[in-house]
Protein backbone atom coordinates (compact mmCIF):
# COMPACT_ATOMS: atom_id res chain seq x y z
CA MET A 1 0.00 0.00 0.00
CA THR A 2 1.42 3.39 -1.03
CA PRO A 3 1.28 5.98 1.78
CA THR A 4 -0.50 9.27 1.12
CA THR A 5 1.45 12.49 0.69
CA SER A 6 0.09 13.84 3.99
CA SER A 7 1.00 10.71 5.99
CA ILE A 8 4.60 10.84 4.72
CA TYR A 9 4.98 14.33 6.22
CA THR A 10 3.52 13.54 9.66
CA GLU A 11 6.47 11.32 10.61
CA CYS A 12 8.95 12.41 7.98
CA LYS A 13 11.38 9.76 6.77
CA GLN A 14 11.69 11.07 3.22
CA CYS A 15 15.44 11.59 3.25
CA PRO A 16 18.15 9.26 4.65
CA ARG A 17 18.25 11.28 7.89
CA SER A 18 14.79 9.93 8.79
CA CYS A 19 14.24 12.71 11.35
CA LYS A 20 10.59 11.56 11.94
CA VAL A 21 9.44 15.13 12.59
CA ASP A 22 5.77 15.96 12.02
CA ARG A 23 6.34 18.55 9.32
CA THR A 24 2.66 19.54 9.32
CA LYS A 25 3.37 21.14 12.73
CA SER A 26 7.08 21.89 12.68
CA THR A 27 10.15 21.80 10.43
CA GLY A 28 12.37 18.79 9.78
CA TYR A 29 16.14 18.56 9.49
CA CYS A 30 15.67 20.21 6.09
CA ARG A 31 14.32 23.24 8.02
CA GLU A 32 11.12 23.10 5.98
CA PRO A 33 7.47 22.41 6.84
CA SER A 34 5.12 20.27 4.73
CA GLU A 35 4.27 23.22 2.46
CA LEU A 36 6.35 23.59 -0.69
CA ARG A 37 8.27 26.87 -0.75
CA LEU A 38 10.11 28.36 -3.72
CA SER A 39 12.52 31.28 -4.10
CA PHE A 40 13.11 31.87 -7.82
CA ALA A 41 12.25 30.58 -11.28
CA GLY A 42 13.82 31.58 -14.57
CA LEU A 43 15.57 30.56 -17.76
CA HIS A 44 19.09 29.48 -16.83
CA PHE A 45 21.85 29.49 -19.46
CA GLY A 46 24.68 28.27 -17.22
CA GLU A 47 23.69 24.60 -17.08
CA GLU A 48 25.23 21.88 -19.25
CA PRO A 49 24.71 22.35 -23.04
CA LEU A 50 22.56 19.21 -23.32
CA ILE A 51 19.85 20.78 -21.18
CA THR A 52 20.41 24.47 -21.95
CA VAL A 53 20.34 23.95 -25.74
CA PHE A 54 18.62 26.98 -27.34
CA GLY A 55 16.04 28.28 -24.86
CA GLY A 56 17.71 27.71 -21.51
CA SER A 57 16.81 25.39 -18.65
CA GLY A 58 13.66 26.42 -16.79
CA THR A 59 15.05 26.35 -13.26
CA ILE A 60 12.85 26.40 -10.16
CA PHE A 61 14.79 26.84 -6.90
CA ILE A 62 13.15 25.07 -3.95
CA THR A 63 13.68 26.33 -0.40
CA GLY A 64 15.41 23.97 2.06
CA CYS A 65 17.82 21.05 1.68
CA THR A 66 18.62 17.67 3.22
CA LEU A 67 22.33 18.54 3.37
CA ARG A 68 24.11 21.49 4.96
CA CYS A 69 27.13 21.91 2.73
CA ALA A 70 29.41 24.43 4.39
CA PHE A 71 30.37 26.00 1.02
CA CYS A 72 26.87 26.17 -0.50
CA GLN A 73 26.50 29.08 -2.95
CA ASN A 74 22.70 28.85 -2.57
CA TYR A 75 22.83 29.02 1.25
CA GLN A 76 20.18 31.76 1.38
CA ILE A 77 17.55 29.29 0.19
CA SER A 78 19.05 25.91 1.09
CA GLN A 79 19.93 26.79 4.70
CA ASN A 80 18.50 30.19 5.67
CA GLY A 81 14.90 29.68 4.55
CA TYR A 82 14.48 32.32 1.84
CA GLY A 83 11.29 31.54 -0.10
CA THR A 84 7.52 31.59 -0.07
CA GLU A 85 4.79 28.94 -0.07
CA VAL A 86 3.22 27.94 -3.37
CA SER A 87 0.18 25.83 -4.18
CA SER A 88 -0.16 23.25 -6.93
CA GLU A 89 -1.87 25.94 -9.05
CA ASN A 90 1.04 28.38 -8.47
CA PHE A 91 3.54 25.66 -9.35
CA THR A 92 1.72 24.78 -12.57
CA LYS A 93 1.53 28.45 -13.61
CA ILE A 94 5.27 28.89 -13.04
CA CYS A 95 5.99 25.79 -15.16
CA LEU A 96 3.69 26.98 -17.94
CA ASP A 97 5.27 30.46 -17.86
CA LEU A 98 8.73 28.89 -18.21
CA GLN A 99 7.51 26.68 -21.07
CA ASN A 100 5.93 29.65 -22.85
CA ALA A 101 9.18 31.62 -22.42
CA GLY A 102 11.06 28.95 -24.38
CA ALA A 103 12.48 26.72 -21.64
CA GLU A 104 13.84 23.38 -22.84
CA ASN A 105 12.84 21.68 -19.59
CA ILE A 106 11.63 22.30 -16.02
CA ASN A 107 14.70 21.99 -13.76
CA LEU A 108 13.75 21.38 -10.09
CA VAL A 109 16.67 22.39 -7.85
CA THR A 110 17.07 20.78 -4.38
CA GLY A 111 13.66 19.17 -3.97
CA SER A 112 14.76 16.02 -2.12
CA HIS A 113 12.79 16.91 1.03
CA HIS A 114 9.54 17.32 -0.95
CA ILE A 115 9.49 14.32 -3.30
CA PRO A 116 5.89 13.15 -2.57
CA LYS A 117 4.46 16.64 -3.00
CA LEU A 118 6.53 17.39 -6.10
CA ALA A 119 5.48 14.10 -7.68
CA GLN A 120 1.88 15.17 -7.20
CA PHE A 121 2.51 18.71 -8.47
CA ILE A 122 4.44 17.48 -11.52
CA GLN A 123 1.58 15.18 -12.51
CA GLU A 124 -0.94 17.99 -12.13
CA ALA A 125 1.27 20.33 -14.19
CA LYS A 126 1.50 17.72 -16.94
CA ASN A 127 -2.27 17.29 -16.87
CA LYS A 128 -2.66 21.05 -17.38
CA GLY A 129 -0.38 21.40 -20.39
CA VAL A 130 3.29 21.19 -19.41
CA THR A 131 4.85 19.09 -22.17
CA ILE A 132 8.58 19.78 -21.81
CA PRO A 133 10.67 17.29 -19.75
CA PHE A 134 11.13 17.62 -16.00
CA CYS A 135 14.69 17.55 -14.58
CA TRP A 136 15.66 16.50 -11.06
CA ASN A 137 18.64 18.57 -9.88
CA SER A 138 19.82 17.27 -6.51
CA SER A 139 22.62 16.24 -4.18
CA ALA A 140 21.65 12.56 -4.69
CA TYR A 141 21.20 12.26 -0.91
CA GLU A 142 17.95 10.41 -1.51
CA THR A 143 16.47 6.97 -0.90
CA VAL A 144 15.53 4.74 -3.80
CA GLU A 145 12.10 4.32 -2.21
CA MET A 146 11.41 8.04 -2.59
CA LEU A 147 12.92 8.24 -6.07
CA GLU A 148 10.45 5.57 -7.21
CA LEU A 149 7.70 8.19 -6.73
CA LEU A 150 9.28 10.25 -9.53
CA LYS A 151 9.57 7.35 -11.96
CA GLY A 152 7.98 8.27 -15.30
CA LEU A 153 7.45 11.88 -14.19
CA VAL A 154 11.10 12.98 -14.32
CA THR A 155 13.17 11.93 -17.33
CA ILE A 156 16.33 14.03 -16.92
CA TRP A 157 18.43 13.66 -13.78
CA LEU A 158 21.20 16.00 -12.60
CA PRO A 159 22.63 14.45 -9.42
CA ASP A 160 25.80 15.50 -7.65
CA LEU A 161 28.38 12.96 -6.59
CA LYS A 162 30.14 15.24 -4.14
CA THR A 163 32.57 12.79 -2.58
CA LEU A 164 33.13 9.11 -1.83
CA SER A 165 34.92 9.97 1.43
CA SER A 166 32.75 9.34 4.48
CA PRO A 167 34.96 11.41 6.83
CA LEU A 168 34.86 14.36 4.43
CA SER A 169 31.09 14.15 3.93
CA ALA A 170 30.63 13.93 7.71
CA LYS A 171 32.67 17.10 8.16
CA LEU A 172 31.29 19.17 5.27
CA PHE A 173 27.68 17.94 5.01
CA GLY A 174 26.94 16.38 8.38
CA ALA A 175 26.22 13.12 6.52
CA PRO A 176 28.80 10.32 6.89
CA ASP A 177 26.50 8.01 4.91
CA TYR A 178 26.44 10.35 1.90
CA PRO A 179 28.81 8.29 -0.33
CA GLU A 180 26.82 5.06 -0.01
CA VAL A 181 23.42 6.77 -0.31
CA ALA A 182 24.40 8.88 -3.31
CA ALA A 183 26.01 5.96 -5.12
CA ASN A 184 22.84 3.87 -4.73
CA ALA A 185 20.61 6.74 -5.86
CA ILE A 186 22.74 7.42 -8.95
CA LYS A 187 22.78 3.74 -9.90
CA TRP A 188 18.97 3.76 -9.71
CA MET A 189 18.77 6.89 -11.90
CA ILE A 190 21.04 5.37 -14.54
CA LYS A 191 19.19 2.04 -14.58
CA ASN A 192 15.78 3.66 -15.02
CA ASN A 193 16.74 6.43 -17.45
CA PRO A 194 18.82 5.28 -20.44
CA LEU A 195 20.47 8.11 -22.37
CA LYS A 196 18.41 9.70 -25.15
CA ILE A 197 20.17 12.54 -26.97
CA GLU A 198 18.90 14.02 -30.21
CA GLU A 199 20.19 16.68 -32.61
CA ILE A 200 17.95 19.73 -32.93
CA PRO A 201 18.07 22.20 -35.88
CA SER A 202 18.74 25.79 -34.89
CA PRO A 203 15.63 28.01 -34.69
CA LYS A 204 15.83 31.60 -35.93
CA ASN A 205 15.59 33.04 -32.41
CA ALA A 206 18.25 30.76 -30.90
CA LYS A 207 20.24 32.40 -28.10
CA HIS A 208 23.98 32.64 -28.74
CA ALA A 209 26.11 30.20 -26.77
CA ASP A 210 29.90 30.30 -26.41
CA TRP A 211 30.03 26.50 -26.75
CA ALA A 212 28.16 26.32 -30.10
CA GLU A 213 28.25 27.81 -33.58
CA ASP A 214 25.33 30.12 -34.39
CA GLY A 215 22.89 28.53 -36.82
CA GLU A 216 24.24 25.01 -36.30
CA PRO A 217 22.22 22.12 -34.81
CA ARG A 218 22.71 21.38 -31.12
CA GLU A 219 22.40 18.20 -29.08
CA LYS A 220 19.55 17.94 -26.59
CA MET A 221 18.96 15.40 -23.82
CA THR A 222 15.35 14.24 -23.49
CA GLN A 223 16.14 11.41 -21.10
CA GLY A 224 19.15 10.36 -19.10
CA VAL A 225 21.54 11.30 -16.33
CA ILE A 226 24.25 13.96 -16.04
CA ILE A 227 26.36 13.31 -12.95
CA ARG A 228 28.04 16.38 -11.53
CA HIS A 229 31.18 16.51 -9.42
CA LEU A 230 32.67 19.71 -8.02
CA PHE A 231 36.43 19.58 -7.48
CA LEU A 232 37.21 20.78 -3.95
CA PRO A 233 40.50 22.70 -3.73
CA GLY A 234 43.26 20.61 -2.23
CA LYS A 235 41.25 17.38 -2.58
CA PHE A 236 42.69 15.89 -5.77
CA GLU A 237 42.63 12.32 -4.48
CA GLU A 238 38.92 12.58 -3.67
CA THR A 239 38.18 13.67 -7.24
CA ALA A 240 40.33 10.85 -8.61
CA ASP A 241 38.31 8.38 -6.52
CA VAL A 242 35.02 9.81 -7.79
CA LEU A 243 36.14 9.64 -11.41
CA GLY A 244 37.27 6.07 -10.91
CA TRP A 245 33.81 5.14 -9.59
CA LEU A 246 32.12 6.96 -12.45
CA LYS A 247 34.31 5.21 -15.02
CA GLU A 248 33.24 1.86 -13.63
CA ASN A 249 29.56 2.60 -13.01
CA ALA A 250 28.48 5.40 -15.35
CA ASP A 251 30.71 5.65 -18.44
CA LYS A 252 28.71 5.15 -21.68
CA LYS A 253 25.51 5.02 -19.61
CA ALA A 254 25.44 8.63 -18.35
CA CYS A 255 27.16 11.95 -18.98
CA ILE A 256 29.76 13.34 -16.59
CA SER A 257 30.07 17.01 -15.66
CA LEU A 258 33.30 17.84 -13.83
CA MET A 259 33.27 21.36 -12.39
CA ASN A 260 36.20 23.51 -11.28
CA GLN A 261 34.12 26.51 -10.21
CA TYR A 262 34.60 26.22 -6.44
CA THR A 263 34.33 29.77 -5.13
CA PRO A 264 34.55 31.09 -1.56
CA VAL A 265 31.14 32.54 -0.78
CA PRO A 266 30.88 35.94 0.99
CA PHE A 267 28.32 34.67 3.51
CA ASN A 268 26.05 37.36 4.94
CA GLU A 269 25.38 35.83 8.36
CA ASP A 270 25.90 36.64 12.02
CA ALA A 271 29.35 36.26 13.56
CA GLU A 272 28.62 32.96 15.31
CA LYS A 273 27.28 31.30 12.16
CA THR A 274 30.26 32.53 10.16
CA LYS A 275 32.70 31.27 12.80
CA ASN A 276 31.14 27.79 12.78
CA ARG A 277 31.02 27.71 8.99
CA MET A 278 34.68 28.67 8.64
CA LYS A 279 35.62 26.00 11.16
CA THR A 280 33.84 23.39 9.04
CA LEU A 281 35.44 24.72 5.86
CA SER A 282 38.87 24.04 7.35
CA ALA A 283 38.37 20.48 6.03
CA ILE A 284 39.24 21.85 2.58
CA GLU A 285 41.19 24.79 1.20
CA ASN A 286 38.58 27.51 0.88
CA ARG A 287 39.93 29.23 -2.24
CA LEU A 288 39.70 29.28 -6.03
CA VAL A 289 41.16 26.39 -8.03
CA THR A 290 44.76 26.96 -9.16
CA ARG A 291 46.07 26.58 -12.71
CA GLN A 292 48.22 23.66 -11.59
CA GLU A 293 45.19 21.88 -10.13
CA ASP A 294 43.29 22.56 -13.34
CA ALA A 295 46.12 21.04 -15.39
CA ASP A 296 46.26 18.00 -13.10
CA ILE A 297 42.50 17.49 -13.43
CA GLN A 298 42.72 17.66 -17.21
CA ASP A 299 45.46 15.01 -17.15
CA LEU A 300 43.18 12.86 -15.02
CA ILE A 301 40.29 13.31 -17.47
CA GLU A 302 42.52 12.29 -20.36
CA ALA A 303 43.68 9.19 -18.50
CA PHE A 304 40.12 8.02 -17.77
CA ASP A 305 38.93 8.77 -21.34
CA PHE A 306 35.18 9.12 -20.62
CA ASP A 307 32.74 8.67 -23.47
CA TYR A 308 30.80 11.88 -22.67
CA LEU A 309 32.24 14.44 -20.26
CA PHE A 310 31.84 18.19 -19.77
CA TYR A 311 34.61 20.26 -18.21
CA GLN A 312 34.65 24.00 -17.61
CA GLU A 313 37.38 26.39 -18.59
CA LEU A 314 39.16 27.74 -15.52
CA SER A 315 38.06 31.25 -14.58
CA ASP A 316 38.61 33.62 -11.66
CA ASP A 317 35.32 35.43 -12.37
CA THR A 318 33.07 35.29 -9.29
CA SER A 319 30.28 37.56 -10.56
CA TRP A 320 28.07 34.51 -11.20
CA LEU A 321 27.54 33.93 -7.47
CA PRO A 322 23.78 34.36 -6.89
CA ASP A 323 21.94 36.63 -4.47
CA PHE A 324 18.41 35.28 -4.17
CA THR A 325 17.13 38.35 -2.34
CA ARG A 326 17.23 40.16 -5.71
CA PRO A 327 14.57 39.63 -8.42
CA GLN A 328 17.52 38.83 -10.71
CA PRO A 329 19.81 36.68 -8.53
CA PHE A 330 22.30 35.99 -11.33
CA SER A 331 24.24 38.04 -13.83
CA ASN A 332 22.04 39.06 -16.78
CA ASN A 333 23.78 36.78 -19.29
CA LEU A 334 23.31 33.77 -17.03
CA ALA A 335 19.56 33.85 -16.40
CA THR A 336 16.26 35.48 -17.37
CA PRO A 337 13.89 35.88 -14.38
CA ILE A 338 10.32 34.58 -14.72
CA TRP A 339 9.18 34.46 -11.07
CA HIS A 340 10.56 35.61 -7.71
CA CYS A 341 9.22 35.09 -4.21
């Protein structure tokens, strides 16, 4: 017997933390109640080319998170509660507005603590005219049982594989079980969503992209998994371990996105919070990636020889860091706002 959405929230065990809080009366470990809260929705042009394509990815940022990553660039919404409650009708309207604005997909960011409700909302949005694919953009700190609720509703998956080191995940995320949980979740995603990539002719109004020739066809993912890994400065061995796991478990079955964009965040918090955060961040080197590290990573990529891998060019530009208190949280060339809380 499948439990109802409401019963799942009264003794919440949605995420691996299984905090058992009655989220209809209080907030769980995710710091969120049973109501779905959002902070921002817009066309995002900074995602991987396979999901950005011509019109941008229709990102919806969900308030709260099951992890507490010390370096989180989205800390205002993931940890500090910035957002407002939306109904199923509000959610559907936002999705339709993104679709009408030219979005290639609906990209749900950090929704792991609201899987039952989002499954319901996605189905209702589809019933009311949303035809573009839904993407699940998460930390992969999710149980297979919960992911089953999204089967057939979500066809594009964008999980992180942050680390395979339990001591590091305990220090940075407060989740020593993260490596095992994330690995199982990603295996499930790959098994249930074989890669489907098609070539799309360029429309006349196609937005320019630095990674593509104007007027030329572009590849588009309609189903499949893109596994993201952010290199943490000073943690080369951890990245080598992750790439080794991905070579064995994901190569030719999913796409890999290796990111070198780690950026120290100028957290706007009280002194005690900042002190605790900096103490946690001592587990890594809280700085930009060096050119030598970038060269070493590229050597590693070449050695593994993945079938389909994205890698960013190294940059010291930090202007992309978002501020979700603004109607336009990102730089203008990175996103087009559609909705703000």
